[in-house]
């Protein structure tokens, strides 16, 4: 356990004060019902030791207090935290960022020191598929176990405060642990004890520290507390300019209403940019997910089209019509999905722990997506085996064999779209407004219809041409789900752009990046999508079932695939999360890009890893 120094100053100890029964969100501050609660008897294990402190406030929700008027940005809190937790230069549990406003000589800077807020409603805990997070009754600490984590980084997506830190070197997440070992002996967390200016403090939540008058839940640059109900309170009395901006690369500013009163609201900081390509910056850590999502949507769509085709008059898609082509396509789809699933594990910091993705089916959308994709994958595999190898099931009566194949096929047809629904739920994150729109669902289902129809049309069109037959009847039917998917995608994109422009804040900032930094890439994606829509209509009207028609559909497939790839890459790189402001170089995406491009990242003291993939 942590050793208390004989010379420990009084200000380093957590004050013992009376606390109200509930916090401002209506949650009980006392986290256990009685001293006989099983949570009390179990005790907290810290550094391998079972602890049982006699602190009378041990089972009350604690939290941080930050007096922005006092912070001088000395970074002592950062240093103390890093030293206490032996952190590498590229990582910090606590970081000091700032916003600034005004002009010389009335320039004003507001510093913000931020770490994990040990929220009442920790979205990291609910989102984590491995159940690496636990909210403890002791002090209300939200703790994370790196040994359980497999490094998917989903908690870093859903947290609005940059609290969980994905360590790309070690392949897992770790974060602030509230210094529970210090709390057990009565000491404040290292960061609060080290604060030179009395800006950072700690205690039972909703109790006012010494020399503090306010207990606010908002401060310029701080995301909405409604997302997680964070256990941090602010004081900021000194007058500020009506508009404050961030020093990092995020195109955001914070503005009060016209009277200069009330909370600050995030708005776009336009920087006079023009539309650029930036094709190289379409690459991101999420590249495996770009391929995984598109392949999965295409495979599900192709299977649905292949299985349901005979019901819509496409007898050439029946297993009996072209048994070899039917079986080969099924196993190609199975191989593609196997590749996609294997690729998705490459997104993990520790791919060998992929099986832990099933651990949190109750809360995590990641667990539900993985489980639903696994169900579809296994149903499709079983259907492929039953259909391709009837000799293996010769011992079954004919009716039972046919019923088994039909049951597996229909189950896979239902499971595939359901899996895409759960896949889209992963991205409905309040802390990432660019994703938090129904366009994600229309995009995923649109790609399912379009990519799936194109795959089946090109495969069976080639088979029919090889047999000197026309594939007009095939194309005349499959063009409708193809066109529906393209129009669904286009409709969602138009609605999404309107939403982004009118939503304001980080959503509007993402749209600004979309039309400037990646403007030409965005226009190319839109142009390719429009070309695919008009191409589908034109080829359908022409109705050429020969080689010329086939080449036309092949060209259309290339155009739409390029559109889908660019669009999905943009989907991941355009996100501007509701995170805390960075500094000129620390937690600044622009500086990180510069450091990697210029070679500065090769110097460990810069605090930027050379490679993020």
Foldseek 3Di string as FASTA:
>chain_A
DDDDDPPQDPQQFADDDDDDQADPVRHGQQQDDDCPGPLLVVADQDPNRGARFPRPSFQGAKFKEFEQVQDPPPCQLFVQQCVVVVHFLQDTQKAKFWWWDDDPPPIDITIDIDGALLFPAQVLCLAQLLNQWDQGSGNRWIAGDFVSFFALCLSCVQDLANHWDRDLVQQGIGGDRQPVVQVSVRGGPRSCSRRPRNRMHMHRAPDADPPGDFFAPADPQADDCVSGRGRYGYHDDDQHDQKIGFLFPQQWIWGDPPVSDDGTDIFGNDDPFAADAPVVLLDDLCVLVLLLLLLLLQLLLQLLCLVCVVVVPPCCSDCVNPVVLNLVVLVVSLVSNVVSVLSSLVSGSRSVSVVSSCVNPPRHLSNVLVVLSVLLSVLSVVLSCLSNCVVVVPVDPPVVSVVVNVVSSVVSNVSSLVSQVSVLVSQCHPQWVLSNDCLSSLLSNLSSLQSSLLVNCLSVLVVQVVVVHFCLVSLLVSLVSNLVSLVSNVVSVVVSLVCLCPVGHQSVSLNVCCCGVNNVLNVLLVVLSVCLNVLSVVLNVVSGRHPVSSVSSVVSSVSNVSSSSSVSSSSPSSTDGSYGRHHNQRPHPVNLVVCLVVVVCVDSNSNHHNDSD
